[in-house]
């Protein structure tokens, strides 16, 4: 998949621990880990919205399209 998840970078710049972010967003730490490690096949808009709200960022800060990249 040519979509890269930069969630770990955004979390680091915001000094947001994974456990705290998971609790604020309302997802399990395991599901947050799946997102952070680029293993997710999909993300709900409601989850993306909550991540952006809690990290004070835009979806494009978290998700990046790279043509010709296959992360699978």
N, C-alpha and C. Protein backbone atom coordinates (compact mmCIF):
# COMPACT_ATOMS: atom_id res chain seq x y z
N UNK A 1 0.85 -1.17 0.00
CA UNK A 1 0.00 0.00 0.00
C UNK A 1 0.89 1.23 0.00
N UNK A 2 0.51 2.23 -0.72
CA UNK A 2 1.32 3.43 -0.87
C UNK A 2 1.00 4.49 0.19
N UNK A 3 0.20 4.14 1.18
CA UNK A 3 -0.12 5.07 2.26
C UNK A 3 0.79 4.75 3.44
N UNK A 4 1.51 5.76 3.91
CA UNK A 4 2.38 5.61 5.07
C UNK A 4 1.75 6.36 6.24
N UNK A 5 1.75 5.73 7.40
CA UNK A 5 1.21 6.34 8.60
C UNK A 5 2.37 6.93 9.40
N UNK A 6 2.34 8.24 9.59
CA UNK A 6 3.39 8.95 10.33
C UNK A 6 2.95 9.30 11.74
N UNK A 7 2.10 8.48 12.31
CA UNK A 7 1.54 8.76 13.62
C UNK A 7 2.62 8.85 14.70
N UNK A 8 3.62 7.97 14.63
CA UNK A 8 4.68 8.01 15.63
C UNK A 8 5.46 9.32 15.60
N UNK A 9 5.66 9.87 14.41
CA UNK A 9 6.37 11.15 14.28
C UNK A 9 5.56 12.28 14.90
N UNK A 10 4.26 12.31 14.59
CA UNK A 10 3.39 13.36 15.13
C UNK A 10 3.30 13.24 16.66
N UNK A 11 3.18 12.02 17.15
CA UNK A 11 3.13 11.81 18.60
C UNK A 11 4.40 12.29 19.27
N UNK A 12 5.53 12.02 18.66
CA UNK A 12 6.82 12.43 19.24
C UNK A 12 6.94 13.94 19.28
N UNK A 13 6.54 14.62 18.21
CA UNK A 13 6.65 16.07 18.20
C UNK A 13 5.69 16.73 19.19
N UNK A 14 4.60 16.03 19.51
CA UNK A 14 3.61 16.56 20.47
C UNK A 14 3.87 16.05 21.89
N UNK A 15 4.90 15.21 22.05
CA UNK A 15 5.23 14.61 23.36
C UNK A 15 4.02 13.89 23.95
N UNK A 16 3.35 13.09 23.10
CA UNK A 16 2.14 12.38 23.51
C UNK A 16 2.44 10.89 23.65
N UNK A 17 2.39 10.35 24.86
CA UNK A 17 2.61 8.91 25.05
C UNK A 17 1.48 8.09 24.42
N UNK A 18 1.81 6.90 23.95
CA UNK A 18 0.84 6.05 23.27
C UNK A 18 -0.36 5.71 24.16
N UNK A 19 -0.10 5.35 25.41
CA UNK A 19 -1.19 4.99 26.31
C UNK A 19 -2.17 6.13 26.53
N UNK A 20 -1.62 7.32 26.69
CA UNK A 20 -2.48 8.50 26.89
C UNK A 20 -3.29 8.81 25.64
N UNK A 21 -2.65 8.74 24.48
CA UNK A 21 -3.37 9.01 23.23
C UNK A 21 -4.47 7.99 23.01
N UNK A 22 -4.18 6.72 23.23
CA UNK A 22 -5.19 5.68 23.05
C UNK A 22 -6.39 5.94 23.95
N UNK A 23 -6.14 6.30 25.20
CA UNK A 23 -7.23 6.59 26.13
C UNK A 23 -8.05 7.80 25.68
N UNK A 24 -7.37 8.84 25.24
CA UNK A 24 -8.08 10.06 24.80
C UNK A 24 -8.91 9.82 23.55
N UNK A 25 -8.41 8.97 22.66
CA UNK A 25 -9.09 8.71 21.39
C UNK A 25 -10.19 7.67 21.57
N UNK A 26 -10.04 6.80 22.57
CA UNK A 26 -11.04 5.78 22.80
C UNK A 26 -10.77 4.49 22.04
N UNK A 27 -9.50 4.18 21.81
CA UNK A 27 -9.12 2.92 21.17
C UNK A 27 -8.15 2.19 22.10
N UNK A 28 -7.97 0.92 21.84
CA UNK A 28 -7.05 0.15 22.68
C UNK A 28 -5.61 0.49 22.31
N UNK A 29 -4.70 0.35 23.27
CA UNK A 29 -3.28 0.54 22.94
C UNK A 29 -2.82 -0.40 21.82
N UNK A 30 -3.38 -1.60 21.76
CA UNK A 30 -3.02 -2.54 20.69
C UNK A 30 -3.44 -2.01 19.32
N UNK A 31 -4.64 -1.43 19.23
CA UNK A 31 -5.09 -0.86 17.96
C UNK A 31 -4.26 0.36 17.58
N UNK A 32 -3.87 1.17 18.55
CA UNK A 32 -3.01 2.30 18.27
C UNK A 32 -1.67 1.81 17.74
N UNK A 33 -1.15 0.74 18.31
CA UNK A 33 0.11 0.16 17.86
C UNK A 33 0.01 -0.32 16.41
N UNK A 34 -1.11 -0.92 16.05
CA UNK A 34 -1.32 -1.36 14.67
C UNK A 34 -1.25 -0.16 13.73
N UNK A 35 -1.87 0.94 14.11
CA UNK A 35 -1.81 2.15 13.30
C UNK A 35 -0.40 2.70 13.22
N UNK A 36 0.26 2.82 14.38
CA UNK A 36 1.60 3.39 14.43
C UNK A 36 2.61 2.59 13.61
N UNK A 37 2.44 1.28 13.58
CA UNK A 37 3.39 0.41 12.90
C UNK A 37 3.03 0.14 11.44
N UNK A 38 2.09 0.93 10.92
CA UNK A 38 1.71 0.86 9.50
C UNK A 38 1.17 -0.51 9.12
N UNK A 39 0.48 -1.18 10.05
CA UNK A 39 -0.08 -2.50 9.79
C UNK A 39 -1.58 -2.46 9.56
N UNK A 40 -2.19 -1.30 9.73
CA UNK A 40 -3.64 -1.17 9.57
C UNK A 40 -4.02 -1.22 8.10
N UNK A 41 -5.13 -1.88 7.81
CA UNK A 41 -5.66 -1.93 6.45
C UNK A 41 -6.69 -0.82 6.22
N UNK A 42 -7.21 -0.25 7.32
CA UNK A 42 -8.22 0.80 7.22
C UNK A 42 -8.23 1.59 8.51
N UNK A 43 -8.83 2.78 8.45
CA UNK A 43 -9.02 3.59 9.64
C UNK A 43 -10.37 4.29 9.51
N UNK A 44 -11.12 4.29 10.58
CA UNK A 44 -12.41 4.98 10.56
C UNK A 44 -12.18 6.48 10.59
N UNK A 45 -13.03 7.20 9.89
CA UNK A 45 -12.94 8.66 9.92
C UNK A 45 -13.10 9.19 11.33
N UNK A 46 -13.94 8.55 12.13
CA UNK A 46 -14.13 9.01 13.51
C UNK A 46 -12.84 8.86 14.31
N UNK A 47 -12.08 7.80 14.06
CA UNK A 47 -10.80 7.61 14.74
C UNK A 47 -9.79 8.63 14.24
N UNK A 48 -9.74 8.84 12.94
CA UNK A 48 -8.83 9.83 12.37
C UNK A 48 -9.15 11.22 12.90
N UNK A 49 -10.43 11.54 12.99
CA UNK A 49 -10.85 12.83 13.53
C UNK A 49 -10.40 12.99 14.99
N UNK A 50 -10.58 11.94 15.78
CA UNK A 50 -10.18 11.99 17.19
C UNK A 50 -8.66 12.13 17.33
N UNK A 51 -7.91 11.42 16.49
CA UNK A 51 -6.45 11.55 16.51
C UNK A 51 -6.03 12.98 16.19
N UNK A 52 -6.63 13.55 15.16
CA UNK A 52 -6.30 14.93 14.77
C UNK A 52 -6.68 15.92 15.86
N UNK A 53 -7.81 15.69 16.51
CA UNK A 53 -8.23 16.58 17.60
C UNK A 53 -7.23 16.52 18.75
N UNK A 54 -6.87 15.32 19.16
CA UNK A 54 -5.99 15.16 20.31
C UNK A 54 -4.54 15.57 20.02
N UNK A 55 -4.11 15.42 18.77
CA UNK A 55 -2.74 15.77 18.41
C UNK A 55 -2.64 17.17 17.80
N UNK A 56 -3.80 17.84 17.66
CA UNK A 56 -3.85 19.18 17.07
C UNK A 56 -3.11 19.20 15.74
N UNK A 57 -3.58 18.35 14.82
CA UNK A 57 -2.94 18.24 13.51
C UNK A 57 -3.99 18.02 12.43
N UNK A 58 -3.55 17.91 11.21
CA UNK A 58 -4.41 17.63 10.06
C UNK A 58 -4.21 16.17 9.63
N UNK A 59 -5.19 15.56 8.95
CA UNK A 59 -5.02 14.19 8.48
C UNK A 59 -3.75 13.99 7.66
N UNK A 60 -3.38 14.98 6.87
CA UNK A 60 -2.17 14.90 6.06
C UNK A 60 -0.89 14.87 6.87
N UNK A 61 -0.97 15.27 8.13
CA UNK A 61 0.20 15.16 9.01
C UNK A 61 0.41 13.71 9.43
N UNK A 62 -0.66 12.94 9.47
CA UNK A 62 -0.62 11.55 9.92
C UNK A 62 -0.48 10.59 8.75
N UNK A 63 -1.19 10.85 7.67
CA UNK A 63 -1.20 9.95 6.51
C UNK A 63 -0.47 10.59 5.34
N UNK A 64 0.33 9.78 4.65
CA UNK A 64 1.11 10.28 3.52
C UNK A 64 1.01 9.28 2.37
N UNK A 65 0.76 9.80 1.17
CA UNK A 65 0.72 8.96 -0.03
C UNK A 65 2.06 9.06 -0.74
N UNK A 66 2.64 7.90 -1.00
CA UNK A 66 3.92 7.86 -1.73
C UNK A 66 3.75 6.95 -2.94
N UNK A 67 3.76 7.54 -4.11
CA UNK A 67 3.57 6.78 -5.34
C UNK A 67 4.71 5.78 -5.52
N UNK A 68 4.33 4.57 -5.89
CA UNK A 68 5.31 3.54 -6.17
C UNK A 68 5.81 2.79 -4.96
N UNK A 69 5.34 3.15 -3.76
CA UNK A 69 5.75 2.48 -2.53
C UNK A 69 4.74 1.39 -2.23
N UNK A 70 5.23 0.21 -1.87
CA UNK A 70 4.35 -0.89 -1.48
C UNK A 70 4.78 -1.37 -0.11
N UNK A 71 4.01 -0.99 0.92
CA UNK A 71 4.36 -1.32 2.31
C UNK A 71 3.85 -2.68 2.75
N UNK A 72 3.18 -3.42 1.89
CA UNK A 72 2.60 -4.71 2.32
C UNK A 72 3.63 -5.73 2.43
